[in-house]
Amino acid sequence: SKFLNDKWMTKNGFLNDVQEHKPWWWNIKVQKLNLSAPLILLPEVSCQKAIEILQEKGYDQAPVVAESGVILGMVTLSNTLTSVLAGNAEFSDPVTKVIYDQFSKIGLEDSLGKLSCILENDHFAIVVHEQMQFNGNGSSFMKQMVFGVVTAMDLLTFVSRNDKK
């Protein structure tokens, strides 16, 4: 059962420390990765335009975020191209037809150890930051802002550049 799996428990925030002999970087915060701000696509962007933008900017993937700030998913260059070539989507379709809506989120204050557990199963994680917003009548709500997209390569690069051994 996944409820008894330590990696699943860590990934979903139920356990903090599962590894007895943690590497030196295990408790360092995600914010230390110095991620660059991601390219964000709105849901109405067409598959054709998404491919053009990703290729032009040199990105493999980008979060798709509604105007309201809700994170809808991730669009990847390979999945978009594969979907169009297989006939499952048209170049004119919005990217929402080809997004991955199953994705993991991680906060800037979370540990690289937690990120490592997520990246064992996922190709990427969306780094989010919670922000309190107020509307005109003074009521507040929490909004998640996309701060970055992190991959195993980002973690590996950080560890190899800062290796303490």
Protein backbone atom coordinates (compact mmCIF):
# COMPACT_ATOMS: atom_id res chain seq x y z
CA SER A 1 0.00 0.00 0.00
CA LYS A 2 1.28 3.48 -0.81
CA PHE A 3 0.24 4.61 2.68
CA LEU A 4 2.97 2.43 4.17
CA ASN A 5 5.58 3.47 1.61
CA ASP A 6 8.06 5.92 3.16
CA LYS A 7 8.85 7.58 -0.17
CA TRP A 8 5.15 8.19 -0.86
CA MET A 9 4.70 9.48 2.71
CA THR A 10 7.65 11.91 2.28
CA LYS A 11 6.54 13.07 -1.18
CA ASN A 12 3.08 13.87 0.18
CA GLY A 13 4.30 15.64 3.30
CA PHE A 14 3.44 13.02 5.94
CA LEU A 15 7.05 12.14 6.83
CA ASN A 16 10.07 14.41 7.04
CA ASP A 17 13.07 12.15 7.57
CA VAL A 18 13.06 8.71 6.00
CA GLN A 19 16.70 8.27 5.13
CA GLU A 20 18.96 7.35 8.05
CA HIS A 21 22.22 8.20 6.32
CA LYS A 22 21.27 11.38 4.52
CA PRO A 23 23.62 13.00 2.01
CA TRP A 24 25.01 16.43 2.91
CA TRP A 25 22.43 18.21 0.74
CA TRP A 26 19.33 16.40 2.09
CA ASN A 27 18.09 19.23 4.39
CA ILE A 28 19.06 22.18 2.17
CA LYS A 29 16.06 24.21 1.03
CA VAL A 30 14.81 24.18 -2.58
CA GLN A 31 15.33 27.96 -2.79
CA LYS A 32 19.12 27.35 -2.79
CA LEU A 33 18.83 25.89 -6.31
CA ASN A 34 18.61 29.47 -7.67
CA LEU A 35 16.03 28.52 -10.29
CA SER A 36 15.24 30.95 -13.07
CA ALA A 37 11.68 32.18 -13.48
CA PRO A 38 9.74 29.82 -15.72
CA LEU A 39 8.07 30.58 -19.00
CA ILE A 40 4.31 30.36 -18.37
CA LEU A 41 1.65 29.68 -20.98
CA LEU A 42 -2.00 30.66 -20.72
CA PRO A 43 -4.56 27.91 -21.50
CA GLU A 44 -5.72 29.47 -24.78
CA VAL A 45 -2.25 29.23 -26.40
CA SER A 46 -2.46 26.86 -29.39
CA CYS A 47 -0.32 23.74 -29.66
CA GLN A 48 1.41 25.29 -32.69
CA LYS A 49 2.24 28.50 -30.80
CA ALA A 50 3.36 26.52 -27.72
CA ILE A 51 5.80 24.51 -29.86
CA GLU A 52 7.14 27.70 -31.45
CA ILE A 53 7.55 29.47 -28.10
CA LEU A 54 9.23 26.51 -26.38
CA GLN A 55 11.65 26.01 -29.28
CA GLU A 56 12.43 29.71 -29.63
CA LYS A 57 13.08 30.15 -25.90
CA GLY A 58 14.95 26.84 -25.52
CA TYR A 59 12.58 25.23 -23.00
CA ASP A 60 11.43 21.60 -22.89
CA GLN A 61 8.36 22.32 -20.78
CA ALA A 62 6.28 25.11 -19.32
CA PRO A 63 3.51 25.38 -16.73
CA VAL A 64 0.06 26.24 -18.04
CA VAL A 65 -1.55 28.73 -15.66
CA ALA A 66 -5.04 30.24 -15.88
CA GLU A 67 -5.43 34.04 -15.68
CA SER A 68 -6.72 33.50 -12.13
CA GLY A 69 -3.37 31.96 -11.21
CA VAL A 70 -4.61 28.37 -10.93
CA ILE A 71 -1.95 25.93 -12.14
CA LEU A 72 -3.62 23.70 -14.74
CA GLY A 73 -0.66 21.48 -15.61
CA MET A 74 2.52 21.22 -17.62
CA VAL A 75 2.97 21.23 -21.37
CA THR A 76 6.06 19.53 -22.76
CA LEU A 77 7.53 19.89 -26.21
CA SER A 78 7.76 16.13 -26.75
CA ASN A 79 4.20 15.37 -25.58
CA THR A 80 2.77 18.19 -27.72
CA LEU A 81 4.64 17.03 -30.84
CA THR A 82 3.76 13.37 -30.20
CA SER A 83 0.06 14.19 -29.66
CA VAL A 84 -0.16 16.25 -32.86
CA LEU A 85 1.74 13.72 -34.97
CA ALA A 86 -0.40 10.84 -33.62
CA GLY A 87 -3.57 12.74 -34.52
CA ASN A 88 -4.72 13.07 -30.91
CA ALA A 89 -4.51 16.87 -31.12
CA GLU A 90 -4.44 19.50 -33.86
CA PHE A 91 -1.91 22.32 -34.16
CA SER A 92 -4.83 24.72 -33.66
CA ASP A 93 -6.05 23.05 -30.41
CA PRO A 94 -5.35 24.83 -27.11
CA VAL A 95 -2.45 23.43 -25.06
CA THR A 96 -4.94 22.28 -22.42
CA LYS A 97 -5.62 19.32 -24.74
CA VAL A 98 -2.04 18.05 -24.32
CA ILE A 99 -1.08 19.07 -20.78
CA TYR A 100 0.00 16.79 -17.96
CA ASP A 101 -2.47 17.53 -15.20
CA GLN A 102 -0.79 15.09 -12.81
CA PHE A 103 2.19 16.92 -11.36
CA SER A 104 3.91 17.43 -8.05
CA LYS A 105 4.35 20.78 -6.34
CA ILE A 106 7.11 21.69 -3.95
CA GLY A 107 7.69 24.86 -1.93
CA LEU A 108 10.79 27.01 -1.70
CA GLU A 109 11.12 26.08 1.98
CA ASP A 110 10.92 22.33 1.34
CA SER A 111 14.09 20.25 1.47
CA LEU A 112 16.11 18.86 -1.41
CA GLY A 113 15.51 15.48 0.23
CA LYS A 114 11.76 15.83 -0.35
CA LEU A 115 12.47 17.00 -3.90
CA SER A 116 14.69 13.95 -4.44
CA CYS A 117 11.82 11.66 -3.38
CA ILE A 118 9.45 13.41 -5.83
CA LEU A 119 11.96 13.19 -8.69
CA GLU A 120 12.33 9.43 -8.24
CA ASN A 121 8.91 9.06 -9.86
CA ASP A 122 8.28 12.37 -11.67
CA HIS A 123 10.30 14.05 -14.41
CA PHE A 124 9.81 17.47 -12.83
CA ALA A 125 8.19 19.34 -9.95
CA ILE A 126 6.58 22.75 -10.05
CA VAL A 127 8.09 25.04 -7.41
CA VAL A 128 5.32 27.16 -5.89
CA HIS A 129 5.19 29.99 -3.42
CA GLU A 130 2.03 30.75 -1.46
CA GLN A 131 1.05 34.39 -1.37
CA MET A 132 -1.79 36.06 0.52
CA GLN A 133 -3.95 38.26 -1.68
CA PHE A 134 -6.68 40.67 -0.71
CA ASN A 135 -9.65 41.69 -2.83
CA GLY A 136 -11.67 44.92 -2.82
CA ASN A 137 -13.83 44.08 0.19
CA GLY A 138 -10.80 43.24 2.34
CA SER A 139 -11.20 39.47 2.37
CA SER A 140 -8.05 37.48 1.77
CA PHE A 141 -7.16 34.21 0.14
CA MET A 142 -4.00 32.21 -0.49
CA LYS A 143 -2.77 32.04 -4.06
CA GLN A 144 -0.01 29.79 -5.36
CA MET A 145 2.50 31.50 -7.61
CA VAL A 146 4.68 29.40 -9.93
CA PHE A 147 8.26 30.14 -8.95
CA GLY A 148 10.01 27.63 -11.16
CA VAL A 149 10.18 24.16 -12.61
CA VAL A 150 12.81 21.81 -11.21
CA THR A 151 14.14 18.61 -12.77
CA ALA A 152 16.53 15.88 -11.67
CA MET A 153 19.20 17.62 -13.76
CA ASP A 154 18.80 20.79 -11.67
CA LEU A 155 19.29 18.78 -8.48
CA LEU A 156 22.24 16.84 -9.92
CA THR A 157 23.91 20.06 -11.13
CA PHE A 158 23.52 21.65 -7.68
CA VAL A 159 24.91 18.59 -5.88
CA SER A 160 27.87 18.17 -8.25
CA ARG A 161 28.84 21.87 -8.12
CA ASN A 162 28.62 22.01 -4.35
CA ASP A 163 29.83 18.53 -3.47
CA LYS A 164 31.33 18.70 0.02
CA LYS A 165 33.30 15.46 -0.30
